Amino acid sequence: MRPDAHLIYKPVKNKPMNIAVFASGGGNNLLTAIKIAHLSLGKICVCLVVTDRLAIPAIDIAKSHGIPVIAKDFEKECGVWGECKNDPIKAQRYRMAGERFHDAILEQMLDHENIAHETIDLIVLSYHRLIQGKLLRHFNHRIINQHPGDLTIMQGAENKQRKYVGLSPVFDALRDGNSKTRTVNFLVGEGCDDGEILCSGPWVTYKGKVPVTRESALLHEMCQKKMSDRPCLMSVLIAIAEGRLGISIDDRHPDGRYVTMLDNKKLPYGGYDLSIKDPISFRSK
């Protein structure tokens, strides 16, 4: 990698890239990470699972594969955003509680590292919470997230504000008349769906009813998880594990985000585009 670039992970001989997966539900991305770890021939290991809810399928998946779990109840400790968002004081308390929640998770992760005698190299999010505070700073440029909306589409006066952010990007995009959607993988920043885009998954054409309903959008999103989520996450994990993916610290896009790089070559704003390129595969040893 060029001297002006920052690798997300630098491979170490005879040592896997250790991943912690943060999950909030069914564990689809956790299963994808476990699958790619099995195919990696020792280059990747899912060493920890963290959840913000109790008694969810992701916990059972982790335990069935012998993966340690940190499970905490976010809503019990921090409250429910829908009950806080319209009250500035309650909203601020909620945000502060969320930061303390993740500060505590960081402490548990550091304890895990000490006990297991291993370093967590990367966090993979399949997670419904905004991460800020000490956890975000400790894993700066080492947290990746999957988002089911195309983050290259902009809006605003200067056309620098991402349009399809938040919890319902698929429904929003389809309701706006878009005939297809895709998943993107990005480095997590401080804001909602912020950070540099590493990879854009294949497009998935909408074949549901018109006008679009939340139910038909949800069915489409389930298809997108298989057709766009999985190849996107797998390609990114392979490229990071092999030390091929990073950011150019001297080059920025018009919106201020760093330019991403693969194999020493600058990528466009949307990262590695799987709609026009083959998925990234492991290089032979």
C-alpha atoms as a PDB file:
ATOM      1  CA  MET A   1       0.000   0.000   0.000  1.00  0.00           C
ATOM      2  CA  ARG A   2       1.192   3.528  -0.798  1.00  0.00           C
ATOM      3  CA  PRO A   3       2.813   5.619   1.987  1.00  0.00           C
ATOM      4  CA  ASP A   4      -0.156   8.018   1.939  1.00  0.00           C
ATOM      5  CA  ALA A   5      -2.612   5.182   2.595  1.00  0.00           C
ATOM      6  CA  HIS A   6      -3.893   3.631   5.803  1.00  0.00           C
ATOM      7  CA  LEU A   7      -4.643  -0.093   5.808  1.00  0.00           C
ATOM      8  CA  ILE A   8      -7.720  -1.202   7.716  1.00  0.00           C
ATOM      9  CA  TYR A   9      -5.779  -4.304   8.747  1.00  0.00           C
ATOM     10  CA  LYS A  10      -2.179  -5.383   8.199  1.00  0.00           C
ATOM     11  CA  PRO A  11      -1.881  -9.189   8.010  1.00  0.00           C
ATOM     12  CA  VAL A  12       0.402 -10.988  10.448  1.00  0.00           C
ATOM     13  CA  LYS A  13       1.972 -14.279   9.391  1.00  0.00           C
ATOM     14  CA  ASN A  14       0.343 -17.359  10.949  1.00  0.00           C
ATOM     15  CA  LYS A  15      -2.271 -15.240  12.720  1.00  0.00           C
ATOM     16  CA  PRO A  16      -5.922 -14.796  11.695  1.00  0.00           C
ATOM     17  CA  MET A  17      -7.707 -11.471  11.536  1.00  0.00           C
ATOM     18  CA  ASN A  18      -9.937 -11.613  14.622  1.00  0.00           C
ATOM     19  CA  ILE A  19     -13.470 -10.300  14.148  1.00  0.00           C
ATOM     20  CA  ALA A  20     -16.107  -9.282  16.676  1.00  0.00           C
ATOM     21  CA  VAL A  21     -19.614  -9.310  15.208  1.00  0.00           C
ATOM     22  CA  PHE A  22     -22.226  -6.986  16.732  1.00  0.00           C
ATOM     23  CA  ALA A  23     -25.740  -8.343  16.143  1.00  0.00           C
ATOM     24  CA  SER A  24     -29.260  -7.196  16.959  1.00  0.00           C
ATOM     25  CA  GLY A  25     -31.423  -9.963  15.515  1.00  0.00           C
ATOM     26  CA  GLY A  26     -31.407 -12.993  13.271  1.00  0.00           C
ATOM     27  CA  GLY A  27     -27.683 -13.118  12.629  1.00  0.00           C
ATOM     28  CA  ASN A  28     -27.555 -13.222   8.815  1.00  0.00           C
ATOM     29  CA  ASN A  29     -24.321 -11.238   8.665  1.00  0.00           C
ATOM     30  CA  LEU A  30     -22.925 -13.304  11.520  1.00  0.00           C
ATOM     31  CA  LEU A  31     -23.563 -16.464   9.501  1.00  0.00           C
ATOM     32  CA  THR A  32     -21.895 -14.854   6.473  1.00  0.00           C
ATOM     33  CA  ALA A  33     -18.846 -13.927   8.558  1.00  0.00           C
ATOM     34  CA  ILE A  34     -18.629 -17.465   9.980  1.00  0.00           C
ATOM     35  CA  LYS A  35     -18.901 -18.944   6.486  1.00  0.00           C
ATOM     36  CA  ILE A  36     -16.146 -16.764   5.054  1.00  0.00           C
ATOM     37  CA  ALA A  37     -13.975 -17.536   8.102  1.00  0.00           C
ATOM     38  CA  HIS A  38     -14.334 -21.250   7.356  1.00  0.00           C
ATOM     39  CA  LEU A  39     -13.338 -20.639   3.741  1.00  0.00           C
ATOM     40  CA  SER A  40     -10.388 -18.417   4.645  1.00  0.00           C
ATOM     41  CA  LEU A  41      -7.988 -21.228   5.595  1.00  0.00           C
ATOM     42  CA  GLY A  42      -6.954 -19.509   8.789  1.00  0.00           C
ATOM     43  CA  LYS A  43      -6.961 -15.905   7.580  1.00  0.00           C
ATOM     44  CA  ILE A  44     -10.158 -14.917   9.442  1.00  0.00           C
ATOM     45  CA  CYS A  45     -11.614 -15.898  12.816  1.00  0.00           C
ATOM     46  CA  VAL A  46     -14.915 -14.793  14.349  1.00  0.00           C
ATOM     47  CA  CYS A  47     -13.754 -14.639  17.949  1.00  0.00           C
ATOM     48  CA  LEU A  48     -16.588 -12.757  19.682  1.00  0.00           C
ATOM     49  CA  VAL A  49     -20.270 -11.845  19.265  1.00  0.00           C
ATOM     50  CA  VAL A  50     -21.820  -8.809  20.956  1.00  0.00           C
ATOM     51  CA  THR A  51     -25.584  -8.238  21.131  1.00  0.00           C
ATOM     52  CA  ASP A  52     -27.775  -5.389  22.335  1.00  0.00           C
ATOM     53  CA  ARG A  53     -30.699  -7.712  23.046  1.00  0.00           C
ATOM     54  CA  LEU A  54     -31.161 -10.943  24.954  1.00  0.00           C
ATOM     55  CA  ALA A  55     -32.560 -14.236  23.645  1.00  0.00           C
ATOM     56  CA  ILE A  56     -32.074 -13.531  19.946  1.00  0.00           C
ATOM     57  CA  PRO A  57     -31.105 -16.053  17.217  1.00  0.00           C
ATOM     58  CA  ALA A  58     -27.630 -14.541  16.828  1.00  0.00           C
ATOM     59  CA  ILE A  59     -26.763 -15.695  20.356  1.00  0.00           C
ATOM     60  CA  ASP A  60     -27.809 -19.266  19.544  1.00  0.00           C
ATOM     61  CA  ILE A  61     -25.765 -19.171  16.318  1.00  0.00           C
ATOM     62  CA  ALA A  62     -22.686 -17.999  18.215  1.00  0.00           C
ATOM     63  CA  LYS A  63     -23.032 -20.656  20.900  1.00  0.00           C
ATOM     64  CA  SER A  64     -23.554 -23.396  18.292  1.00  0.00           C
ATOM     65  CA  HIS A  65     -20.178 -22.440  16.798  1.00  0.00           C
ATOM     66  CA  GLY A  66     -18.408 -22.128  20.143  1.00  0.00           C
ATOM     67  CA  ILE A  67     -18.058 -18.341  19.889  1.00  0.00           C
ATOM     68  CA  PRO A  68     -18.082 -16.329  23.160  1.00  0.00           C
ATOM     69  CA  VAL A  69     -20.954 -13.847  23.572  1.00  0.00           C
ATOM     70  CA  ILE A  70     -21.358 -10.501  25.321  1.00  0.00           C
ATOM     71  CA  ALA A  71     -25.131  -9.987  25.607  1.00  0.00           C
ATOM     72  CA  LYS A  72     -26.630  -6.837  27.104  1.00  0.00           C
ATOM     73  CA  ASP A  73     -30.134  -5.336  27.096  1.00  0.00           C
ATOM     74  CA  PHE A  74     -29.843  -1.877  25.515  1.00  0.00           C
ATOM     75  CA  GLU A  75     -33.451  -0.796  26.021  1.00  0.00           C
ATOM     76  CA  LYS A  76     -33.430  -1.827  29.681  1.00  0.00           C
ATOM     77  CA  GLU A  77     -30.318   0.265  30.321  1.00  0.00           C
ATOM     78  CA  CYS A  78     -30.902   3.175  27.927  1.00  0.00           C
ATOM     79  CA  GLY A  79     -34.608   3.387  27.116  1.00  0.00           C
ATOM     80  CA  VAL A  80     -36.476   3.434  23.804  1.00  0.00           C
ATOM     81  CA  TRP A  81     -35.650   6.102  21.219  1.00  0.00           C
ATOM     82  CA  GLY A  82     -39.275   6.461  20.109  1.00  0.00           C
ATOM     83  CA  GLU A  83     -40.222   7.503  23.631  1.00  0.00           C
ATOM     84  CA  CYS A  84     -37.364  10.018  23.891  1.00  0.00           C
ATOM     85  CA  LYS A  85     -36.872  11.653  20.501  1.00  0.00           C
ATOM     86  CA  ASN A  86     -39.492  14.399  20.894  1.00  0.00           C
ATOM     87  CA  ASP A  87     -38.178  15.569  24.265  1.00  0.00           C
ATOM     88  CA  PRO A  88     -34.728  17.270  24.047  1.00  0.00           C
ATOM     89  CA  ILE A  89     -33.826  16.418  27.646  1.00  0.00           C
ATOM     90  CA  LYS A  90     -34.874  12.767  27.340  1.00  0.00           C
ATOM     91  CA  ALA A  91     -33.146  12.517  23.961  1.00  0.00           C
ATOM     92  CA  GLN A  92     -29.879  13.779  25.434  1.00  0.00           C
ATOM     93  CA  ARG A  93     -30.145  11.339  28.345  1.00  0.00           C
ATOM     94  CA  TYR A  94     -30.767   8.526  25.858  1.00  0.00           C
ATOM     95  CA  ARG A  95     -27.663   9.429  23.843  1.00  0.00           C
ATOM     96  CA  MET A  96     -25.506   9.684  26.958  1.00  0.00           C
ATOM     97  CA  ALA A  97     -26.823   6.340  28.220  1.00  0.00           C
ATOM     98  CA  GLY A  98     -26.057   4.787  24.826  1.00  0.00           C
ATOM     99  CA  GLU A  99     -22.484   6.046  24.990  1.00  0.00           C
ATOM    100  CA  ARG A 100     -22.039   4.629  28.506  1.00  0.00           C
ATOM    101  CA  PHE A 101     -23.549   1.343  27.298  1.00  0.00           C
ATOM    102  CA  HIS A 102     -20.919   1.022  24.572  1.00  0.00           C
ATOM    103  CA  ASP A 103     -18.120   2.228  26.845  1.00  0.00           C
ATOM    104  CA  ALA A 104     -19.001  -0.718  29.099  1.00  0.00           C
ATOM    105  CA  ILE A 105     -18.977  -3.076  26.119  1.00  0.00           C
ATOM    106  CA  LEU A 106     -15.486  -1.872  25.231  1.00  0.00           C
ATOM    107  CA  GLU A 107     -14.302  -2.729  28.739  1.00  0.00           C
ATOM    108  CA  GLN A 108     -15.753  -6.228  28.378  1.00  0.00           C
ATOM    109  CA  MET A 109     -14.072  -6.613  24.985  1.00  0.00           C
ATOM    110  CA  LEU A 110     -10.722  -5.591  26.448  1.00  0.00           C
ATOM    111  CA  ASP A 111     -11.239  -8.116  29.249  1.00  0.00           C
ATOM    112  CA  HIS A 112     -11.945 -10.761  26.618  1.00  0.00           C
ATOM    113  CA  GLU A 113      -8.708  -9.883  24.829  1.00  0.00           C
ATOM    114  CA  ASN A 114      -6.727 -10.269  28.042  1.00  0.00           C
ATOM    115  CA  ILE A 115      -8.328 -13.581  28.978  1.00  0.00           C
ATOM    116  CA  ALA A 116      -8.167 -15.084  25.485  1.00  0.00           C
ATOM    117  CA  HIS A 117      -4.711 -13.643  24.755  1.00  0.00           C
ATOM    118  CA  GLU A 118      -5.894 -12.288  21.415  1.00  0.00           C
ATOM    119  CA  THR A 119      -6.461  -8.903  19.811  1.00  0.00           C
ATOM    120  CA  ILE A 120      -9.746  -7.976  18.144  1.00  0.00           C
ATOM    121  CA  ASP A 121      -8.762  -6.513  14.788  1.00  0.00           C
ATOM    122  CA  LEU A 122     -12.136  -5.615  13.263  1.00  0.00           C
ATOM    123  CA  ILE A 123     -15.764  -5.084  14.268  1.00  0.00           C
ATOM    124  CA  VAL A 124     -18.521  -6.115  11.871  1.00  0.00           C
ATOM    125  CA  LEU A 125     -21.884  -4.501  12.580  1.00  0.00           C
ATOM    126  CA  SER A 126     -25.260  -6.095  12.023  1.00  0.00           C
ATOM    127  CA  TYR A 127     -26.567  -3.782  14.655  1.00  0.00           C
ATOM    128  CA  HIS A 128     -29.351  -1.291  15.315  1.00  0.00           C
ATOM    129  CA  ARG A 129     -27.477   1.140  17.576  1.00  0.00           C
ATOM    130  CA  LEU A 130     -25.324   4.187  16.861  1.00  0.00           C
ATOM    131  CA  ILE A 131     -21.833   3.624  18.251  1.00  0.00           C
ATOM    132  CA  GLN A 132     -20.005   6.616  19.677  1.00  0.00           C
ATOM    133  CA  GLY A 133     -17.617   7.387  22.523  1.00  0.00           C
ATOM    134  CA  LYS A 134     -14.641   5.274  23.602  1.00  0.00           C
ATOM    135  CA  LEU A 135     -15.641   2.217  21.568  1.00  0.00           C
ATOM    136  CA  LEU A 136     -15.705   4.169  18.310  1.00  0.00           C
ATOM    137  CA  ARG A 137     -12.403   5.894  19.102  1.00  0.00           C
ATOM    138  CA  HIS A 138     -10.663   2.669  20.125  1.00  0.00           C
ATOM    139  CA  PHE A 139     -11.659   0.961  16.856  1.00  0.00           C
ATOM    140  CA  ASN A 140     -11.269   4.021  14.641  1.00  0.00           C
ATOM    141  CA  HIS A 141     -11.382   2.925  10.959  1.00  0.00           C
ATOM    142  CA  ARG A 142     -11.761  -0.674  12.165  1.00  0.00           C
ATOM    143  CA  ILE A 143     -15.569  -0.908  12.300  1.00  0.00           C
ATOM    144  CA  ILE A 144     -17.530  -1.814   9.178  1.00  0.00           C
ATOM    145  CA  ASN A 145     -21.275  -1.796   8.657  1.00  0.00           C
ATOM    146  CA  GLN A 146     -23.744  -3.082   6.092  1.00  0.00           C
ATOM    147  CA  HIS A 147     -26.456  -0.645   4.969  1.00  0.00           C
ATOM    148  CA  PRO A 148     -29.332  -1.675   2.659  1.00  0.00           C
ATOM    149  CA  GLY A 149     -29.475   1.720   0.940  1.00  0.00           C
ATOM    150  CA  ASP A 150     -27.319   3.270  -1.787  1.00  0.00           C
ATOM    151  CA  LEU A 151     -25.238   5.854   0.084  1.00  0.00           C
ATOM    152  CA  THR A 152     -23.879   7.369  -3.129  1.00  0.00           C
ATOM    153  CA  ILE A 153     -27.199   9.151  -3.780  1.00  0.00           C
ATOM    154  CA  MET A 154     -27.000  12.704  -2.456  1.00  0.00           C
ATOM    155  CA  GLN A 155     -29.370  15.541  -1.624  1.00  0.00           C
ATOM    156  CA  GLY A 156     -29.198  18.981  -0.032  1.00  0.00           C
ATOM    157  CA  ALA A 157     -28.189  22.431  -1.245  1.00  0.00           C
ATOM    158  CA  GLU A 158     -24.600  21.406  -2.008  1.00  0.00           C
ATOM    159  CA  ASN A 159     -25.506  17.822  -2.932  1.00  0.00           C
ATOM    160  CA  LYS A 160     -23.248  16.476  -0.173  1.00  0.00           C
ATOM    161  CA  GLN A 161     -25.855  14.927   2.138  1.00  0.00           C
ATOM    162  CA  ARG A 162     -26.577  11.216   1.851  1.00  0.00           C
ATOM    163  CA  LYS A 163     -30.232  10.639   1.068  1.00  0.00           C
ATOM    164  CA  TYR A 164     -31.009   7.040   1.942  1.00  0.00           C
ATOM    165  CA  VAL A 165     -29.813   6.806   5.537  1.00  0.00           C
ATOM    166  CA  GLY A 166     -31.600   5.599   8.646  1.00  0.00           C
ATOM    167  CA  LEU A 167     -33.802   2.600   9.327  1.00  0.00           C
ATOM    168  CA  SER A 168     -35.959   2.415   6.158  1.00  0.00           C
ATOM    169  CA  PRO A 169     -33.724   3.137   3.139  1.00  0.00           C
ATOM    170  CA  VAL A 170     -35.213   0.349   1.016  1.00  0.00           C
ATOM    171  CA  PHE A 171     -38.793   1.535   1.498  1.00  0.00           C
ATOM    172  CA  ASP A 172     -37.751   5.166   0.989  1.00  0.00           C
ATOM    173  CA  ALA A 173     -35.885   4.395  -2.244  1.00  0.00           C
ATOM    174  CA  LEU A 174     -38.683   2.278  -3.707  1.00  0.00           C
ATOM    175  CA  ARG A 175     -41.317   4.834  -2.706  1.00  0.00           C
ATOM    176  CA  ASP A 176     -39.282   7.481  -4.544  1.00  0.00           C
ATOM    177  CA  GLY A 177     -39.648   5.447  -7.728  1.00  0.00           C
ATOM    178  CA  ASN A 178     -36.295   3.655  -7.794  1.00  0.00           C
ATOM    179  CA  SER A 179     -36.654   0.311  -9.551  1.00  0.00           C
ATOM    180  CA  LYS A 180     -33.667  -1.316  -7.841  1.00  0.00           C
ATOM    181  CA  THR A 181     -31.723  -1.156  -4.573  1.00  0.00           C
ATOM    182  CA  ARG A 182     -28.385  -2.393  -3.281  1.00  0.00           C
ATOM    183  CA  THR A 183     -26.392  -2.889  -0.089  1.00  0.00           C
ATOM    184  CA  VAL A 184     -23.216  -0.972   0.669  1.00  0.00           C
ATOM    185  CA  ASN A 185     -20.457  -1.699   3.165  1.00  0.00           C
ATOM    186  CA  PHE A 186     -18.774   1.276   4.825  1.00  0.00           C
ATOM    187  CA  LEU A 187     -16.388   2.303   7.567  1.00  0.00           C
ATOM    188  CA  VAL A 188     -18.357   3.563  10.550  1.00  0.00           C
ATOM    189  CA  GLY A 189     -18.042   7.253  11.419  1.00  0.00           C
ATOM    190  CA  GLU A 190     -19.622   9.407  14.099  1.00  0.00           C
ATOM    191  CA  GLY A 191     -22.916  10.135  12.338  1.00  0.00           C
ATOM    192  CA  CYS A 192     -25.809   8.059  11.090  1.00  0.00           C
ATOM    193  CA  ASP A 193     -24.596   5.880   8.175  1.00  0.00           C
ATOM    194  CA  ASP A 194     -21.489   8.032   7.972  1.00  0.00           C
ATOM    195  CA  GLY A 195     -18.034   6.976   6.814  1.00  0.00           C
ATOM    196  CA  GLU A 196     -16.182   5.867   3.706  1.00  0.00           C
ATOM    197  CA  ILE A 197     -17.875   3.364   1.381  1.00  0.00           C
ATOM    198  CA  LEU A 198     -15.759   0.262   0.830  1.00  0.00           C
ATOM    199  CA  CYS A 199     -17.992  -1.772  -1.456  1.00  0.00           C
ATOM    200  CA  SER A 200     -21.340  -1.512  -3.254  1.00  0.00           C
ATOM    201  CA  GLY A 201     -23.216  -4.761  -3.752  1.00  0.00           C
ATOM    202  CA  PRO A 202     -25.069  -5.987  -6.837  1.00  0.00           C
ATOM    203  CA  TRP A 203     -28.314  -4.242  -7.726  1.00  0.00           C
ATOM    204  CA  VAL A 204     -31.551  -6.057  -6.870  1.00  0.00           C
ATOM    205  CA  THR A 205     -34.556  -5.244  -9.073  1.00  0.00           C
ATOM    206  CA  TYR A 206     -37.885  -4.650  -7.330  1.00  0.00           C
ATOM    207  CA  LYS A 207     -40.599  -7.074  -8.466  1.00  0.00           C
ATOM    208  CA  GLY A 208     -43.240  -6.356  -5.860  1.00  0.00           C
ATOM    209  CA  LYS A 209     -46.566  -4.586  -5.898  1.00  0.00           C
ATOM    210  CA  VAL A 210     -47.116  -0.970  -6.896  1.00  0.00           C
ATOM    211  CA  PRO A 211     -47.689   1.297  -5.097  1.00  0.00           C
ATOM    212  CA  VAL A 212     -44.966   0.109  -2.753  1.00  0.00           C
ATOM    213  CA  THR A 213     -45.984  -0.801   0.786  1.00  0.00           C
ATOM    214  CA  ARG A 214     -43.809  -1.386   3.812  1.00  0.00           C
ATOM    215  CA  GLU A 215     -44.651  -5.082   3.571  1.00  0.00           C
ATOM    216  CA  SER A 216     -43.625  -5.345  -0.103  1.00  0.00           C
ATOM    217  CA  ALA A 217     -40.464  -3.342   0.611  1.00  0.00           C
ATOM    218  CA  LEU A 218     -39.612  -5.744   3.450  1.00  0.00           C
ATOM    219  CA  LEU A 219     -39.990  -8.756   1.132  1.00  0.00           C
ATOM    220  CA  HIS A 220     -37.694  -7.053  -1.360  1.00  0.00           C
ATOM    221  CA  GLU A 221     -35.160  -6.339   1.388  1.00  0.00           C
ATOM    222  CA  MET A 222     -35.130 -10.039   2.329  1.00  0.00           C
ATOM    223  CA  CYS A 223     -34.136 -10.843  -1.259  1.00  0.00           C
ATOM    224  CA  GLN A 224     -31.510  -8.112  -1.109  1.00  0.00           C
ATOM    225  CA  LYS A 225     -29.907  -9.729   1.943  1.00  0.00           C
ATOM    226  CA  LYS A 226     -29.115 -12.808  -0.131  1.00  0.00           C
ATOM    227  CA  MET A 227     -28.288 -11.151  -3.445  1.00  0.00           C
ATOM    228  CA  SER A 228     -26.442  -8.008  -2.336  1.00  0.00           C
ATOM    229  CA  ASP A 229     -25.621  -8.149   1.401  1.00  0.00           C
ATOM    230  CA  ARG A 230     -23.708 -11.408   1.340  1.00  0.00           C
ATOM    231  CA  PRO A 231     -21.383 -10.830  -1.632  1.00  0.00           C
ATOM    232  CA  CYS A 232     -20.706  -7.301  -0.389  1.00  0.00           C
ATOM    233  CA  LEU A 233     -19.694  -8.381   3.113  1.00  0.00           C
ATOM    234  CA  MET A 234     -17.705 -11.378   1.876  1.00  0.00           C
ATOM    235  CA  SER A 235     -15.718  -9.276  -0.591  1.00  0.00           C
ATOM    236  CA  VAL A 236     -14.890  -6.676   2.043  1.00  0.00           C
ATOM    237  CA  LEU A 237     -13.810  -9.224   4.664  1.00  0.00           C
ATOM    238  CA  ILE A 238     -11.521 -10.981   2.191  1.00  0.00           C
ATOM    239  CA  ALA A 239      -9.920  -7.726   1.011  1.00  0.00           C
ATOM    240  CA  ILE A 240      -9.375  -6.477   4.569  1.00  0.00           C
ATOM    241  CA  ALA A 241      -8.007  -9.804   5.839  1.00  0.00           C
ATOM    242  CA  GLU A 242      -5.439  -9.882   3.041  1.00  0.00           C
ATOM    243  CA  GLY A 243      -4.303  -6.311   3.655  1.00  0.00           C
ATOM    244  CA  ARG A 244      -5.639  -5.066   0.339  1.00  0.00           C
ATOM    245  CA  LEU A 245      -8.202  -2.473   1.453  1.00  0.00           C
ATOM    246  CA  GLY A 246      -7.569   0.914   3.030  1.00  0.00           C
ATOM    247  CA  ILE A 247      -8.070   4.650   2.763  1.00  0.00           C
ATOM    248  CA  SER A 248      -5.932   7.335   1.155  1.00  0.00           C
ATOM    249  CA  ILE A 249      -5.226   9.824   3.915  1.00  0.00           C
ATOM    250  CA  ASP A 250      -4.269  12.577   1.449  1.00  0.00           C
ATOM    251  CA  ASP A 251      -7.265  12.269  -0.900  1.00  0.00           C
ATOM    252  CA  ARG A 252     -10.842  13.232  -0.126  1.00  0.00           C
ATOM    253  CA  HIS A 253     -14.131  13.300  -1.969  1.00  0.00           C
ATOM    254  CA  PRO A 254     -16.117  16.563  -2.272  1.00  0.00           C
ATOM    255  CA  ASP A 255     -18.143  15.645   0.837  1.00  0.00           C
ATOM    256  CA  GLY A 256     -14.930  15.398   2.887  1.00  0.00           C
ATOM    257  CA  ARG A 257     -14.750  11.611   3.173  1.00  0.00           C
ATOM    258  CA  TYR A 258     -11.488   9.823   2.409  1.00  0.00           C
ATOM    259  CA  VAL A 259     -10.925   8.022  -0.883  1.00  0.00           C
ATOM    260  CA  THR A 260     -10.831   4.254  -0.421  1.00  0.00           C
ATOM    261  CA  MET A 261      -8.162   2.088  -2.047  1.00  0.00           C
ATOM    262  CA  LEU A 262      -7.953  -1.537  -3.151  1.00  0.00           C
ATOM    263  CA  ASP A 263      -4.641  -3.081  -4.170  1.00  0.00           C
ATOM    264  CA  ASN A 264      -3.023   0.373  -4.224  1.00  0.00           C
ATOM    265  CA  LYS A 265      -5.621   1.741  -6.634  1.00  0.00           C
ATOM    266  CA  LYS A 266      -8.090   4.491  -5.802  1.00  0.00           C
ATOM    267  CA  LEU A 267     -11.734   3.472  -5.815  1.00  0.00           C
ATOM    268  CA  PRO A 268     -14.698   5.649  -6.790  1.00  0.00           C
ATOM    269  CA  TYR A 269     -16.994   7.128  -4.131  1.00  0.00           C
ATOM    270  CA  GLY A 270     -19.083   3.943  -3.995  1.00  0.00           C
ATOM    271  CA  GLY A 271     -16.047   1.738  -3.399  1.00  0.00           C
ATOM    272  CA  TYR A 272     -15.597  -1.588  -5.163  1.00  0.00           C
ATOM    273  CA  ASP A 273     -18.664  -1.994  -7.384  1.00  0.00           C
ATOM    274  CA  LEU A 274     -19.942  -5.572  -7.513  1.00  0.00           C
ATOM    275  CA  SER A 275     -22.545  -4.665 -10.136  1.00  0.00           C
ATOM    276  CA  ILE A 276     -19.765  -4.360 -12.722  1.00  0.00           C
ATOM    277  CA  LYS A 277     -16.935  -6.386 -11.158  1.00  0.00           C
ATOM    278  CA  ASP A 278     -16.539  -9.914  -9.842  1.00  0.00           C
ATOM    279  CA  PRO A 279     -16.644 -10.504  -6.076  1.00  0.00           C
ATOM    280  CA  ILE A 280     -13.244 -10.403  -4.409  1.00  0.00           C
ATOM    281  CA  SER A 281     -11.831 -13.856  -3.718  1.00  0.00           C
ATOM    282  CA  PHE A 282      -8.958 -15.123  -1.593  1.00  0.00           C
ATOM    283  CA  ARG A 283      -5.569 -15.142  -3.215  1.00  0.00           C
ATOM    284  CA  SER A 284      -3.810 -18.472  -3.180  1.00  0.00           C
ATOM    285  CA  LYS A 285      -1.174 -18.806  -0.467  1.00  0.00           C
END
